[in-house]
């Protein structure tokens, strides 16, 4: 991802709702010096969300294939670390192998990124490094492309008028739904004891923040548009038309699949 995209990714990708943070933190109660392993960490949205709620003895491992994203994540985290420690690993998630022989992750998270991964291989890796009572949380909340509001539908239509019906994904391809549900992947892994949590959330966007978000996405990144200024001018006008008191509201559900080894305590 370009530096331009990294800046917008870090600034405009939403962090975890407070209710999700509290749900995850409950998994670490009683652990003196917990280790959080975040897979597909991007620019650190999960780590930045969790940091204020973690004990100062906590350590964070951030894994992502994109070195630039991890560099941005460290820049974002550094002013807030305090007594916490953080390490980044620029590798595919399934290749994570801790240097310390006694390493154990007390909570493994993957937010908005599991669909990009070799999922069963990632879960096999997670089983190797997870503490006996650790939980794995696969979570996400969709995107403005999938959100069913009047203003997001109009925005999606505008993007499609420039780029065609298919949703772009990654650097060259188009979006395809996963071949099977994440619950089925988890059921075929060591983490087969699964509870689904559906947590409602609301967000308020401004037209500039929506444009910033779009620049960070694979379906509306700047290089997809022959006339980027023209597209953004149209998008700005559309968003202003739909805004109420300058705000655009998104209400959705944040889904957390919290999975453990069978028999592990809750």
C-alpha atoms as a PDB file:
ATOM      1  CA  UNK A   1       0.000   0.000   0.000  1.00  0.00           C
ATOM      2  CA  UNK A   2       1.251   3.502  -0.796  1.00  0.00           C
ATOM      3  CA  UNK A   3       2.124   6.018   1.915  1.00  0.00           C
ATOM      4  CA  UNK A   4      -0.976   7.952   0.805  1.00  0.00           C
ATOM      5  CA  UNK A   5      -3.121   4.879   1.430  1.00  0.00           C
ATOM      6  CA  UNK A   6      -1.462   4.079   4.757  1.00  0.00           C
ATOM      7  CA  UNK A   7      -2.209   7.530   6.132  1.00  0.00           C
ATOM      8  CA  UNK A   8      -5.874   7.212   5.238  1.00  0.00           C
ATOM      9  CA  UNK A   9      -6.064   3.609   6.488  1.00  0.00           C
ATOM     10  CA  UNK A  10      -4.696   4.606   9.893  1.00  0.00           C
ATOM     11  CA  UNK A  11      -6.854   7.714  10.188  1.00  0.00           C
ATOM     12  CA  UNK A  12     -10.201   6.550   8.836  1.00  0.00           C
ATOM     13  CA  UNK A  13     -10.574   2.804   9.405  1.00  0.00           C
ATOM     14  CA  UNK A  14     -12.887   2.404  12.411  1.00  0.00           C
ATOM     15  CA  UNK A  15     -11.568   0.915  15.637  1.00  0.00           C
ATOM     16  CA  UNK A  16     -13.418  -1.604  17.800  1.00  0.00           C
ATOM     17  CA  UNK A  17     -16.598  -0.523  19.585  1.00  0.00           C
ATOM     18  CA  UNK A  18     -16.178  -0.230  23.355  1.00  0.00           C
ATOM     19  CA  UNK A  19     -18.521  -3.182  23.924  1.00  0.00           C
ATOM     20  CA  UNK A  20     -16.283  -5.411  21.788  1.00  0.00           C
ATOM     21  CA  UNK A  21     -13.196  -4.297  23.714  1.00  0.00           C
ATOM     22  CA  UNK A  22     -14.876  -5.152  27.013  1.00  0.00           C
ATOM     23  CA  UNK A  23     -15.914  -8.571  25.703  1.00  0.00           C
ATOM     24  CA  UNK A  24     -12.336  -9.361  24.668  1.00  0.00           C
ATOM     25  CA  UNK A  25     -10.763  -8.000  27.844  1.00  0.00           C
ATOM     26  CA  UNK A  26     -12.882 -10.402  29.886  1.00  0.00           C
ATOM     27  CA  UNK A  27     -10.864 -13.212  28.293  1.00  0.00           C
ATOM     28  CA  UNK A  28      -7.737 -11.909  30.026  1.00  0.00           C
ATOM     29  CA  UNK A  29      -9.079 -11.538  33.552  1.00  0.00           C
ATOM     30  CA  UNK A  30      -6.687 -13.173  35.988  1.00  0.00           C
ATOM     31  CA  UNK A  31      -3.763 -13.281  33.542  1.00  0.00           C
ATOM     32  CA  UNK A  32      -0.954 -11.226  35.103  1.00  0.00           C
ATOM     33  CA  UNK A  33       1.052 -10.439  31.968  1.00  0.00           C
ATOM     34  CA  UNK A  34      -1.179 -11.280  29.001  1.00  0.00           C
ATOM     35  CA  UNK A  35       0.016 -11.601  25.419  1.00  0.00           C
ATOM     36  CA  UNK A  36      -2.324 -10.428  22.663  1.00  0.00           C
ATOM     37  CA  UNK A  37      -1.602 -11.858  19.200  1.00  0.00           C
ATOM     38  CA  UNK A  38      -3.336  -9.832  16.490  1.00  0.00           C
ATOM     39  CA  UNK A  39      -3.397 -11.361  13.002  1.00  0.00           C
ATOM     40  CA  UNK A  40      -3.907  -9.195   9.929  1.00  0.00           C
ATOM     41  CA  UNK A  41      -3.125  -6.250  12.178  1.00  0.00           C
ATOM     42  CA  UNK A  42      -3.066  -3.584   9.449  1.00  0.00           C
ATOM     43  CA  UNK A  43      -2.286  -0.189  10.933  1.00  0.00           C
ATOM     44  CA  UNK A  44      -3.156  -1.308  14.465  1.00  0.00           C
ATOM     45  CA  UNK A  45      -6.898  -0.744  14.853  1.00  0.00           C
ATOM     46  CA  UNK A  46      -7.326  -3.699  17.241  1.00  0.00           C
ATOM     47  CA  UNK A  47      -4.198  -2.932  19.255  1.00  0.00           C
ATOM     48  CA  UNK A  48      -5.081   0.758  19.586  1.00  0.00           C
ATOM     49  CA  UNK A  49      -8.608  -0.125  20.680  1.00  0.00           C
ATOM     50  CA  UNK A  50      -7.461  -2.684  23.245  1.00  0.00           C
ATOM     51  CA  UNK A  51      -4.478  -0.841  24.676  1.00  0.00           C
ATOM     52  CA  UNK A  52      -6.291   1.376  27.236  1.00  0.00           C
ATOM     53  CA  UNK A  53      -8.091  -1.657  28.685  1.00  0.00           C
ATOM     54  CA  UNK A  54      -5.034  -3.924  28.974  1.00  0.00           C
ATOM     55  CA  UNK A  55      -2.876  -4.189  32.108  1.00  0.00           C
ATOM     56  CA  UNK A  56       0.450  -2.387  31.793  1.00  0.00           C
ATOM     57  CA  UNK A  57       2.206  -5.749  31.865  1.00  0.00           C
ATOM     58  CA  UNK A  58       0.598  -6.771  28.567  1.00  0.00           C
ATOM     59  CA  UNK A  59       2.575  -7.540  25.421  1.00  0.00           C
ATOM     60  CA  UNK A  60       1.166  -7.191  21.895  1.00  0.00           C
ATOM     61  CA  UNK A  61       2.324  -9.109  18.817  1.00  0.00           C
ATOM     62  CA  UNK A  62       1.091  -7.612  15.549  1.00  0.00           C
ATOM     63  CA  UNK A  63       1.251  -9.789  12.430  1.00  0.00           C
ATOM     64  CA  UNK A  64       0.676  -8.550   8.885  1.00  0.00           C
ATOM     65  CA  UNK A  65       2.249  -9.195   5.484  1.00  0.00           C
ATOM     66  CA  UNK A  66       2.515  -5.452   4.785  1.00  0.00           C
ATOM     67  CA  UNK A  67       5.646  -3.963   6.368  1.00  0.00           C
ATOM     68  CA  UNK A  68       4.406  -0.445   5.658  1.00  0.00           C
ATOM     69  CA  UNK A  69       1.175  -1.040   7.556  1.00  0.00           C
ATOM     70  CA  UNK A  70       3.069  -2.404  10.544  1.00  0.00           C
ATOM     71  CA  UNK A  71       5.429   0.572  10.520  1.00  0.00           C
ATOM     72  CA  UNK A  72       2.416   2.871  10.604  1.00  0.00           C
ATOM     73  CA  UNK A  73       0.903   0.774  13.412  1.00  0.00           C
ATOM     74  CA  UNK A  74       4.034   1.183  15.523  1.00  0.00           C
ATOM     75  CA  UNK A  75       4.044   4.928  14.876  1.00  0.00           C
ATOM     76  CA  UNK A  76       0.420   5.099  16.015  1.00  0.00           C
ATOM     77  CA  UNK A  77       0.995   2.889  19.066  1.00  0.00           C
ATOM     78  CA  UNK A  78       4.246   4.399  20.324  1.00  0.00           C
ATOM     79  CA  UNK A  79       2.789   7.479  22.085  1.00  0.00           C
ATOM     80  CA  UNK A  80       0.274   5.275  23.935  1.00  0.00           C
ATOM     81  CA  UNK A  81       2.336   2.236  24.926  1.00  0.00           C
ATOM     82  CA  UNK A  82       3.337   3.355  28.412  1.00  0.00           C
ATOM     83  CA  UNK A  83       4.481   0.179  30.126  1.00  0.00           C
ATOM     84  CA  UNK A  84       3.118  -2.063  27.383  1.00  0.00           C
ATOM     85  CA  UNK A  85       5.417  -3.668  24.842  1.00  0.00           C
ATOM     86  CA  UNK A  86       4.689  -4.403  21.181  1.00  0.00           C
ATOM     87  CA  UNK A  87       6.458  -6.351  18.452  1.00  0.00           C
ATOM     88  CA  UNK A  88       5.588  -6.445  14.751  1.00  0.00           C
ATOM     89  CA  UNK A  89       6.025  -9.405  12.407  1.00  0.00           C
ATOM     90  CA  UNK A  90       5.877  -8.751   8.653  1.00  0.00           C
ATOM     91  CA  UNK A  91       4.899 -12.257   7.557  1.00  0.00           C
ATOM     92  CA  UNK A  92       1.778 -14.165   6.517  1.00  0.00           C
ATOM     93  CA  UNK A  93      -0.244 -15.081   9.587  1.00  0.00           C
ATOM     94  CA  UNK A  94       0.216 -18.835   9.132  1.00  0.00           C
ATOM     95  CA  UNK A  95       4.012 -18.380   9.254  1.00  0.00           C
ATOM     96  CA  UNK A  96       4.094 -16.720  12.668  1.00  0.00           C
ATOM     97  CA  UNK A  97       6.585 -18.591  14.857  1.00  0.00           C
ATOM     98  CA  UNK A  98       7.577 -16.979  18.151  1.00  0.00           C
ATOM     99  CA  UNK A  99      11.265 -16.762  18.962  1.00  0.00           C
ATOM    100  CA  UNK A 100      10.718 -17.662  22.629  1.00  0.00           C
ATOM    101  CA  UNK A 101      10.242 -21.438  23.159  1.00  0.00           C
ATOM    102  CA  UNK A 102       7.803 -20.869  26.035  1.00  0.00           C
ATOM    103  CA  UNK A 103       5.694 -18.298  24.157  1.00  0.00           C
ATOM    104  CA  UNK A 104       1.944 -18.492  24.700  1.00  0.00           C
ATOM    105  CA  UNK A 105      -0.711 -16.131  23.348  1.00  0.00           C
ATOM    106  CA  UNK A 106      -3.523 -15.520  25.827  1.00  0.00           C
ATOM    107  CA  UNK A 107      -5.864 -13.994  23.249  1.00  0.00           C
ATOM    108  CA  UNK A 108      -5.685 -14.266  19.449  1.00  0.00           C
ATOM    109  CA  UNK A 109      -7.625 -11.747  17.373  1.00  0.00           C
ATOM    110  CA  UNK A 110      -8.333 -11.361  13.672  1.00  0.00           C
ATOM    111  CA  UNK A 111     -10.492  -8.430  12.626  1.00  0.00           C
ATOM    112  CA  UNK A 112     -11.765  -7.777   9.076  1.00  0.00           C
ATOM    113  CA  UNK A 113      -8.915  -9.860   7.672  1.00  0.00           C
ATOM    114  CA  UNK A 114      -9.722 -13.578   7.995  1.00  0.00           C
ATOM    115  CA  UNK A 115     -11.106 -13.760   4.446  1.00  0.00           C
ATOM    116  CA  UNK A 116      -7.664 -12.849   3.056  1.00  0.00           C
ATOM    117  CA  UNK A 117      -5.915 -15.705   4.858  1.00  0.00           C
ATOM    118  CA  UNK A 118      -5.198 -19.404   4.399  1.00  0.00           C
ATOM    119  CA  UNK A 119      -7.665 -19.941   7.169  1.00  0.00           C
ATOM    120  CA  UNK A 120      -7.119 -23.533   8.303  1.00  0.00           C
ATOM    121  CA  UNK A 121      -3.343 -23.050   8.216  1.00  0.00           C
ATOM    122  CA  UNK A 122      -3.736 -19.903  10.327  1.00  0.00           C
ATOM    123  CA  UNK A 123      -5.883 -21.765  12.849  1.00  0.00           C
ATOM    124  CA  UNK A 124      -3.337 -24.590  13.017  1.00  0.00           C
ATOM    125  CA  UNK A 125      -0.630 -22.023  13.789  1.00  0.00           C
ATOM    126  CA  UNK A 126      -2.886 -20.438  16.411  1.00  0.00           C
ATOM    127  CA  UNK A 127      -3.312 -23.815  18.106  1.00  0.00           C
ATOM    128  CA  UNK A 128       0.470 -24.214  18.336  1.00  0.00           C
ATOM    129  CA  UNK A 129       1.055 -20.856  20.032  1.00  0.00           C
ATOM    130  CA  UNK A 130      -2.098 -20.390  22.122  1.00  0.00           C
ATOM    131  CA  UNK A 131      -2.169 -20.848  25.887  1.00  0.00           C
ATOM    132  CA  UNK A 132      -4.386 -23.775  26.992  1.00  0.00           C
ATOM    133  CA  UNK A 133      -7.255 -21.468  28.045  1.00  0.00           C
ATOM    134  CA  UNK A 134      -6.801 -18.922  25.244  1.00  0.00           C
ATOM    135  CA  UNK A 135      -9.631 -17.778  23.030  1.00  0.00           C
ATOM    136  CA  UNK A 136      -9.462 -16.926  19.340  1.00  0.00           C
ATOM    137  CA  UNK A 137     -11.699 -14.070  18.200  1.00  0.00           C
ATOM    138  CA  UNK A 138     -12.596 -13.804  14.511  1.00  0.00           C
ATOM    139  CA  UNK A 139     -14.565 -10.615  14.065  1.00  0.00           C
ATOM    140  CA  UNK A 140     -15.782  -7.949  11.702  1.00  0.00           C
ATOM    141  CA  UNK A 141     -18.520  -5.541  10.777  1.00  0.00           C
ATOM    142  CA  UNK A 142     -18.667  -5.387   6.989  1.00  0.00           C
ATOM    143  CA  UNK A 143     -17.889  -2.145   5.178  1.00  0.00           C
ATOM    144  CA  UNK A 144     -19.593   0.883   3.707  1.00  0.00           C
ATOM    145  CA  UNK A 145     -19.945  -1.176   0.518  1.00  0.00           C
ATOM    146  CA  UNK A 146     -22.164  -3.700   2.323  1.00  0.00           C
ATOM    147  CA  UNK A 147     -23.975  -1.377   4.752  1.00  0.00           C
ATOM    148  CA  UNK A 148     -27.673  -1.119   3.720  1.00  0.00           C
ATOM    149  CA  UNK A 149     -28.355   2.588   4.285  1.00  0.00           C
ATOM    150  CA  UNK A 150     -29.765   4.937   1.659  1.00  0.00           C
ATOM    151  CA  UNK A 151     -26.579   6.987   1.538  1.00  0.00           C
ATOM    152  CA  UNK A 152     -24.253   3.968   1.328  1.00  0.00           C
ATOM    153  CA  UNK A 153     -26.379   2.435  -1.448  1.00  0.00           C
ATOM    154  CA  UNK A 154     -26.155   5.692  -3.400  1.00  0.00           C
ATOM    155  CA  UNK A 155     -22.395   5.846  -2.836  1.00  0.00           C
ATOM    156  CA  UNK A 156     -21.973   2.228  -3.981  1.00  0.00           C
ATOM    157  CA  UNK A 157     -23.967   3.034  -7.106  1.00  0.00           C
ATOM    158  CA  UNK A 158     -21.694   5.985  -7.852  1.00  0.00           C
ATOM    159  CA  UNK A 159     -18.581   3.814  -7.486  1.00  0.00           C
ATOM    160  CA  UNK A 160     -20.127   1.195  -9.789  1.00  0.00           C
ATOM    161  CA  UNK A 161     -20.960   3.857 -12.371  1.00  0.00           C
ATOM    162  CA  UNK A 162     -17.218   4.544 -12.580  1.00  0.00           C
ATOM    163  CA  UNK A 163     -15.845   1.019 -12.070  1.00  0.00           C
ATOM    164  CA  UNK A 164     -18.572  -1.440 -13.118  1.00  0.00           C
ATOM    165  CA  UNK A 165     -20.763  -3.739 -11.038  1.00  0.00           C
ATOM    166  CA  UNK A 166     -18.033  -5.972  -9.598  1.00  0.00           C
ATOM    167  CA  UNK A 167     -16.461  -5.035  -6.304  1.00  0.00           C
ATOM    168  CA  UNK A 168     -12.696  -4.765  -6.591  1.00  0.00           C
ATOM    169  CA  UNK A 169     -10.627  -6.586  -3.958  1.00  0.00           C
ATOM    170  CA  UNK A 170      -6.905  -6.721  -3.308  1.00  0.00           C
ATOM    171  CA  UNK A 171      -4.635  -5.119  -5.889  1.00  0.00           C
ATOM    172  CA  UNK A 172      -5.881  -6.868  -9.025  1.00  0.00           C
ATOM    173  CA  UNK A 173      -8.912  -9.066  -8.394  1.00  0.00           C
ATOM    174  CA  UNK A 174     -12.603  -8.841  -7.585  1.00  0.00           C
ATOM    175  CA  UNK A 175     -14.388  -9.746  -4.369  1.00  0.00           C
ATOM    176  CA  UNK A 176     -15.528 -13.334  -3.864  1.00  0.00           C
ATOM    177  CA  UNK A 177     -17.437 -14.602  -0.859  1.00  0.00           C
ATOM    178  CA  UNK A 178     -15.583 -17.196   1.259  1.00  0.00           C
ATOM    179  CA  UNK A 179     -16.182 -20.778   0.130  1.00  0.00           C
ATOM    180  CA  UNK A 180     -17.542 -21.655   3.559  1.00  0.00           C
ATOM    181  CA  UNK A 181     -18.488 -19.907   6.759  1.00  0.00           C
ATOM    182  CA  UNK A 182     -15.881 -18.896   9.324  1.00  0.00           C
ATOM    183  CA  UNK A 183     -17.813 -20.986  11.859  1.00  0.00           C
ATOM    184  CA  UNK A 184     -17.099 -24.057   9.724  1.00  0.00           C
ATOM    185  CA  UNK A 185     -13.388 -23.221   9.572  1.00  0.00           C
ATOM    186  CA  UNK A 186     -13.308 -22.900  13.362  1.00  0.00           C
ATOM    187  CA  UNK A 187     -15.296 -26.112  13.804  1.00  0.00           C
ATOM    188  CA  UNK A 188     -12.590 -27.979  11.865  1.00  0.00           C
ATOM    189  CA  UNK A 189      -9.825 -26.520  14.025  1.00  0.00           C
ATOM    190  CA  UNK A 190      -8.684 -26.896  17.622  1.00  0.00           C
ATOM    191  CA  UNK A 191     -10.969 -23.937  18.448  1.00  0.00           C
ATOM    192  CA  UNK A 192     -14.234 -25.763  17.844  1.00  0.00           C
ATOM    193  CA  UNK A 193     -16.152 -24.495  20.895  1.00  0.00           C
ATOM    194  CA  UNK A 194     -17.691 -21.365  19.387  1.00  0.00           C
ATOM    195  CA  UNK A 195     -19.977 -18.644  20.694  1.00  0.00           C
ATOM    196  CA  UNK A 196     -21.213 -15.912  18.383  1.00  0.00           C
ATOM    197  CA  UNK A 197     -21.641 -12.434  19.840  1.00  0.00           C
ATOM    198  CA  UNK A 198     -23.574  -9.863  17.806  1.00  0.00           C
ATOM    199  CA  UNK A 199     -22.976  -6.373  19.161  1.00  0.00           C
ATOM    200  CA  UNK A 200     -24.936  -3.444  17.703  1.00  0.00           C
ATOM    201  CA  UNK A 201     -23.007  -0.245  17.015  1.00  0.00           C
ATOM    202  CA  UNK A 202     -23.579   3.204  15.602  1.00  0.00           C
ATOM    203  CA  UNK A 203     -21.047   5.448  13.897  1.00  0.00           C
ATOM    204  CA  UNK A 204     -21.215   9.003  12.644  1.00  0.00           C
ATOM    205  CA  UNK A 205     -19.244   9.947   9.541  1.00  0.00           C
ATOM    206  CA  UNK A 206     -18.628  13.291   7.885  1.00  0.00           C
ATOM    207  CA  UNK A 207     -18.306  13.581   4.097  1.00  0.00           C
ATOM    208  CA  UNK A 208     -14.513  14.159   4.374  1.00  0.00           C
ATOM    209  CA  UNK A 209     -14.079  11.116   6.642  1.00  0.00           C
ATOM    210  CA  UNK A 210     -16.035   8.932   4.197  1.00  0.00           C
ATOM    211  CA  UNK A 211     -13.781  10.102   1.358  1.00  0.00           C
ATOM    212  CA  UNK A 212     -10.722   9.357   3.495  1.00  0.00           C
ATOM    213  CA  UNK A 213     -12.073   5.896   4.255  1.00  0.00           C
ATOM    214  CA  UNK A 214     -12.720   5.208   0.564  1.00  0.00           C
ATOM    215  CA  UNK A 215      -9.108   6.073  -0.296  1.00  0.00           C
ATOM    216  CA  UNK A 216      -7.996   3.273   2.068  1.00  0.00           C
ATOM    217  CA  UNK A 217     -10.192   0.570   0.498  1.00  0.00           C
ATOM    218  CA  UNK A 218      -9.444  -1.864  -2.288  1.00  0.00           C
ATOM    219  CA  UNK A 219     -12.833  -1.149  -3.921  1.00  0.00           C
ATOM    220  CA  UNK A 220     -12.370   2.640  -4.187  1.00  0.00           C
ATOM    221  CA  UNK A 221      -8.639   3.290  -3.908  1.00  0.00           C
ATOM    222  CA  UNK A 222      -7.360   6.286  -5.883  1.00  0.00           C
ATOM    223  CA  UNK A 223      -5.635   4.397  -8.718  1.00  0.00           C
ATOM    224  CA  UNK A 224      -8.906   2.740  -9.795  1.00  0.00           C
ATOM    225  CA  UNK A 225     -10.318   6.008 -11.130  1.00  0.00           C
ATOM    226  CA  UNK A 226      -9.198   7.603 -14.375  1.00  0.00           C
ATOM    227  CA  UNK A 227     -10.680  10.889 -13.103  1.00  0.00           C
ATOM    228  CA  UNK A 228     -10.207  10.674  -9.352  1.00  0.00           C
ATOM    229  CA  UNK A 229     -10.905  14.390  -8.700  1.00  0.00           C
ATOM    230  CA  UNK A 230     -14.104  14.105 -10.711  1.00  0.00           C
ATOM    231  CA  UNK A 231     -15.249  11.045  -8.769  1.00  0.00           C
ATOM    232  CA  UNK A 232     -14.484  12.658  -5.413  1.00  0.00           C
ATOM    233  CA  UNK A 233     -16.332  15.828  -6.423  1.00  0.00           C
ATOM    234  CA  UNK A 234     -19.407  13.738  -7.282  1.00  0.00           C
ATOM    235  CA  UNK A 235     -19.063  11.702  -4.080  1.00  0.00           C
ATOM    236  CA  UNK A 236     -18.748  14.846  -1.966  1.00  0.00           C
ATOM    237  CA  UNK A 237     -21.924  16.280  -3.504  1.00  0.00           C
ATOM    238  CA  UNK A 238     -23.785  12.997  -2.965  1.00  0.00           C
ATOM    239  CA  UNK A 239     -22.694  12.747   0.673  1.00  0.00           C
ATOM    240  CA  UNK A 240     -23.603  16.351   1.419  1.00  0.00           C
ATOM    241  CA  UNK A 241     -27.023  15.732  -0.068  1.00  0.00           C
ATOM    242  CA  UNK A 242     -27.619  12.777   2.269  1.00  0.00           C
ATOM    243  CA  UNK A 243     -25.988  14.238   5.395  1.00  0.00           C
ATOM    244  CA  UNK A 244     -28.098  15.438   8.297  1.00  0.00           C
ATOM    245  CA  UNK A 245     -26.505  18.330  10.176  1.00  0.00           C
ATOM    246  CA  UNK A 246     -23.284  17.442   8.389  1.00  0.00           C
ATOM    247  CA  UNK A 247     -23.289  13.801   9.567  1.00  0.00           C
ATOM    248  CA  UNK A 248     -23.930  10.452   7.917  1.00  0.00           C
ATOM    249  CA  UNK A 249     -25.023   7.683  10.263  1.00  0.00           C
ATOM    250  CA  UNK A 250     -24.081   4.032  10.097  1.00  0.00           C
ATOM    251  CA  UNK A 251     -25.794   1.503  12.318  1.00  0.00           C
ATOM    252  CA  UNK A 252     -24.713  -2.095  12.139  1.00  0.00           C
ATOM    253  CA  UNK A 253     -23.710  -5.230  13.990  1.00  0.00           C
ATOM    254  CA  UNK A 254     -20.184  -6.148  15.002  1.00  0.00           C
ATOM    255  CA  UNK A 255     -19.922  -9.935  14.939  1.00  0.00           C
ATOM    256  CA  UNK A 256     -17.405 -11.701  17.183  1.00  0.00           C
ATOM    257  CA  UNK A 257     -16.869 -15.440  16.875  1.00  0.00           C
ATOM    258  CA  UNK A 258     -15.222 -16.295  20.188  1.00  0.00           C
ATOM    259  CA  UNK A 259     -13.743 -19.772  19.930  1.00  0.00           C
ATOM    260  CA  UNK A 260     -11.923 -22.024  22.391  1.00  0.00           C
ATOM    261  CA  UNK A 261     -10.615 -25.534  22.631  1.00  0.00           C
ATOM    262  CA  UNK A 262     -13.352 -27.884  23.879  1.00  0.00           C
ATOM    263  CA  UNK A 263     -13.263 -28.067  27.653  1.00  0.00           C
ATOM    264  CA  UNK A 264     -11.344 -24.822  28.106  1.00  0.00           C
ATOM    265  CA  UNK A 265     -12.793 -22.694  30.918  1.00  0.00           C
ATOM    266  CA  UNK A 266     -14.717 -19.519  30.158  1.00  0.00           C
END
